[in-house]
Amino acid sequence: PEHFAWLVCGVSVDEGFADGMPNLREVVVEGTVHVMEIDHRAFARCPQLGSISFLSHFSTTLRTFGDGVFVACAALVRVELTGFPELSCIGDSFLERCDSL
């Protein structure tokens, strides 16, 4: 298996992207990440992420990691994976916008 890191931001169901950027938290998960069902609503409410169809293949609704950083849904904002620099670019611009809020 390839070694890669995912940078994700989690939001609760009651505090989604449509309401701004509440409680943004970040974490880097290195190693194998199991892909589960994707929650398209999280992406539809965050236009900064760009193409939903392109990201869906690598994104997922993530369950809790560590101390409960992820609640009901999560949006993939960066993938460091050889051959897909576009995803890192999307993630970087997204994080810059979040940091400025």
C-alpha atoms as a PDB file:
ATOM      1  CA  PRO A   1       0.000   0.000   0.000  1.00  0.00           C
ATOM      2  CA  GLU A   2       1.159   3.514  -0.809  1.00  0.00           C
ATOM      3  CA  HIS A   3       2.063   5.888   1.994  1.00  0.00           C
ATOM      4  CA  PHE A   4      -0.038   9.037   1.947  1.00  0.00           C
ATOM      5  CA  ALA A   5      -1.563  11.626   4.232  1.00  0.00           C
ATOM      6  CA  TRP A   6      -5.069  13.009   4.246  1.00  0.00           C
ATOM      7  CA  LEU A   7      -5.846  16.436   5.671  1.00  0.00           C
ATOM      8  CA  VAL A   8      -9.524  16.691   6.508  1.00  0.00           C
ATOM      9  CA  CYS A   9     -11.777  19.173   8.233  1.00  0.00           C
ATOM     10  CA  GLY A  10     -14.733  17.959  10.241  1.00  0.00           C
ATOM     11  CA  VAL A  11     -18.063  19.647  10.873  1.00  0.00           C
ATOM     12  CA  SER A  12     -21.093  18.512  12.810  1.00  0.00           C
ATOM     13  CA  VAL A  13     -24.457  17.967  11.165  1.00  0.00           C
ATOM     14  CA  ASP A  14     -25.948  20.991  12.887  1.00  0.00           C
ATOM     15  CA  GLU A  15     -23.065  23.269  11.987  1.00  0.00           C
ATOM     16  CA  GLY A  16     -22.399  22.772   8.297  1.00  0.00           C
ATOM     17  CA  PHE A  17     -20.530  24.683   5.643  1.00  0.00           C
ATOM     18  CA  ALA A  18     -23.732  26.443   4.658  1.00  0.00           C
ATOM     19  CA  ASP A  19     -23.600  28.281   7.976  1.00  0.00           C
ATOM     20  CA  GLY A  20     -20.045  29.493   7.490  1.00  0.00           C
ATOM     21  CA  MET A  21     -17.005  27.702   8.843  1.00  0.00           C
ATOM     22  CA  PRO A  22     -17.820  26.884  12.476  1.00  0.00           C
ATOM     23  CA  ASN A  23     -15.464  24.826  14.590  1.00  0.00           C
ATOM     24  CA  LEU A  24     -12.964  24.081  11.864  1.00  0.00           C
ATOM     25  CA  ARG A  25     -10.449  21.499  13.018  1.00  0.00           C
ATOM     26  CA  GLU A  26      -7.636  19.840  11.130  1.00  0.00           C
ATOM     27  CA  VAL A  27      -5.717  16.624  11.500  1.00  0.00           C
ATOM     28  CA  VAL A  28      -3.274  14.673   9.375  1.00  0.00           C
ATOM     29  CA  VAL A  29      -3.840  10.943   9.161  1.00  0.00           C
ATOM     30  CA  GLU A  30      -0.887   9.016   7.782  1.00  0.00           C
ATOM     31  CA  GLY A  31      -0.985   5.478   6.496  1.00  0.00           C
ATOM     32  CA  THR A  32      -3.933   3.462   5.318  1.00  0.00           C
ATOM     33  CA  VAL A  33      -7.327   5.129   5.416  1.00  0.00           C
ATOM     34  CA  HIS A  34     -10.362   2.982   4.749  1.00  0.00           C
ATOM     35  CA  VAL A  35     -12.855   4.501   2.320  1.00  0.00           C
ATOM     36  CA  MET A  36     -16.442   4.492   3.538  1.00  0.00           C
ATOM     37  CA  GLU A  37     -19.640   6.032   2.221  1.00  0.00           C
ATOM     38  CA  ILE A  38     -19.344   9.597   0.974  1.00  0.00           C
ATOM     39  CA  ASP A  39     -21.683  12.315   2.192  1.00  0.00           C
ATOM     40  CA  HIS A  40     -22.198  14.431  -0.917  1.00  0.00           C
ATOM     41  CA  ARG A  41     -24.044  17.062   1.073  1.00  0.00           C
ATOM     42  CA  ALA A  42     -20.787  18.096   2.722  1.00  0.00           C
ATOM     43  CA  PHE A  43     -19.269  18.850  -0.684  1.00  0.00           C
ATOM     44  CA  ALA A  44     -22.353  20.483  -2.144  1.00  0.00           C
ATOM     45  CA  ARG A  45     -22.223  22.996   0.712  1.00  0.00           C
ATOM     46  CA  CYS A  46     -18.557  23.809   0.193  1.00  0.00           C
ATOM     47  CA  PRO A  47     -17.995  25.135  -3.357  1.00  0.00           C
ATOM     48  CA  GLN A  48     -14.323  25.885  -2.604  1.00  0.00           C
ATOM     49  CA  LEU A  49     -13.610  22.183  -3.004  1.00  0.00           C
ATOM     50  CA  GLY A  50     -14.330  22.345  -6.711  1.00  0.00           C
ATOM     51  CA  SER A  51     -15.406  19.248  -8.604  1.00  0.00           C
ATOM     52  CA  ILE A  52     -17.434  16.914  -6.439  1.00  0.00           C
ATOM     53  CA  SER A  53     -17.300  14.124  -9.000  1.00  0.00           C
ATOM     54  CA  PHE A  54     -13.516  14.305  -9.208  1.00  0.00           C
ATOM     55  CA  LEU A  55     -13.006  14.345  -5.436  1.00  0.00           C
ATOM     56  CA  SER A  56     -15.615  11.694  -4.630  1.00  0.00           C
ATOM     57  CA  HIS A  57     -13.309   8.884  -5.649  1.00  0.00           C
ATOM     58  CA  PHE A  58     -10.846   9.820  -2.907  1.00  0.00           C
ATOM     59  CA  SER A  59     -13.190  11.261  -0.337  1.00  0.00           C
ATOM     60  CA  THR A  60     -15.373   9.780   2.309  1.00  0.00           C
ATOM     61  CA  THR A  61     -17.522  10.381   5.294  1.00  0.00           C
ATOM     62  CA  LEU A  62     -14.960   9.768   8.001  1.00  0.00           C
ATOM     63  CA  ARG A  63     -15.714   8.260  11.363  1.00  0.00           C
ATOM     64  CA  THR A  64     -14.125   9.449  14.575  1.00  0.00           C
ATOM     65  CA  PHE A  65     -10.338   9.500  14.749  1.00  0.00           C
ATOM     66  CA  GLY A  66      -8.561  10.143  18.033  1.00  0.00           C
ATOM     67  CA  ASP A  67     -10.490  12.401  20.391  1.00  0.00           C
ATOM     68  CA  GLY A  68     -13.620  12.799  18.284  1.00  0.00           C
ATOM     69  CA  VAL A  69     -12.366  15.403  15.849  1.00  0.00           C
ATOM     70  CA  PHE A  70     -14.799  14.153  13.217  1.00  0.00           C
ATOM     71  CA  VAL A  71     -18.491  14.268  13.902  1.00  0.00           C
ATOM     72  CA  ALA A  72     -21.237  13.468  11.390  1.00  0.00           C
ATOM     73  CA  CYS A  73     -19.416  14.292   8.182  1.00  0.00           C
ATOM     74  CA  ALA A  74     -16.059  15.400   6.905  1.00  0.00           C
ATOM     75  CA  ALA A  75     -14.772  17.005   3.745  1.00  0.00           C
ATOM     76  CA  LEU A  76     -11.528  15.971   2.145  1.00  0.00           C
ATOM     77  CA  VAL A  77      -9.392  19.055   1.560  1.00  0.00           C
ATOM     78  CA  ARG A  78      -6.011  17.603   0.729  1.00  0.00           C
ATOM     79  CA  VAL A  79      -4.481  14.386  -0.481  1.00  0.00           C
ATOM     80  CA  GLU A  80      -0.749  13.900  -0.793  1.00  0.00           C
ATOM     81  CA  LEU A  81      -0.654  11.078  -3.298  1.00  0.00           C
ATOM     82  CA  THR A  82       1.801  10.673  -6.153  1.00  0.00           C
ATOM     83  CA  GLY A  83       0.168  11.522  -9.454  1.00  0.00           C
ATOM     84  CA  PHE A  84      -2.612  13.729  -8.074  1.00  0.00           C
ATOM     85  CA  PRO A  85      -1.100  17.188  -7.427  1.00  0.00           C
ATOM     86  CA  GLU A  86      -4.449  18.782  -8.321  1.00  0.00           C
ATOM     87  CA  LEU A  87      -5.954  17.576  -5.061  1.00  0.00           C
ATOM     88  CA  SER A  88      -3.189  19.176  -3.011  1.00  0.00           C
ATOM     89  CA  CYS A  89      -3.745  22.465  -4.840  1.00  0.00           C
ATOM     90  CA  ILE A  90      -7.475  22.364  -4.117  1.00  0.00           C
ATOM     91  CA  GLY A  91      -6.745  21.626  -0.483  1.00  0.00           C
ATOM     92  CA  ASP A  92      -4.198  24.408  -0.123  1.00  0.00           C
ATOM     93  CA  SER A  93      -6.513  27.096  -1.488  1.00  0.00           C
ATOM     94  CA  PHE A  94      -9.357  25.786   0.655  1.00  0.00           C
ATOM     95  CA  LEU A  95      -7.256  25.898   3.820  1.00  0.00           C
ATOM     96  CA  GLU A  96      -6.097  29.441   3.067  1.00  0.00           C
ATOM     97  CA  ARG A  97      -9.703  30.567   2.839  1.00  0.00           C
ATOM     98  CA  CYS A  98     -10.613  28.803   6.071  1.00  0.00           C
ATOM     99  CA  ASP A  99      -7.653  30.295   7.921  1.00  0.00           C
ATOM    100  CA  SER A 100      -8.680  33.807   6.921  1.00  0.00           C
ATOM    101  CA  LEU A 101     -12.159  33.464   8.435  1.00  0.00           C
END
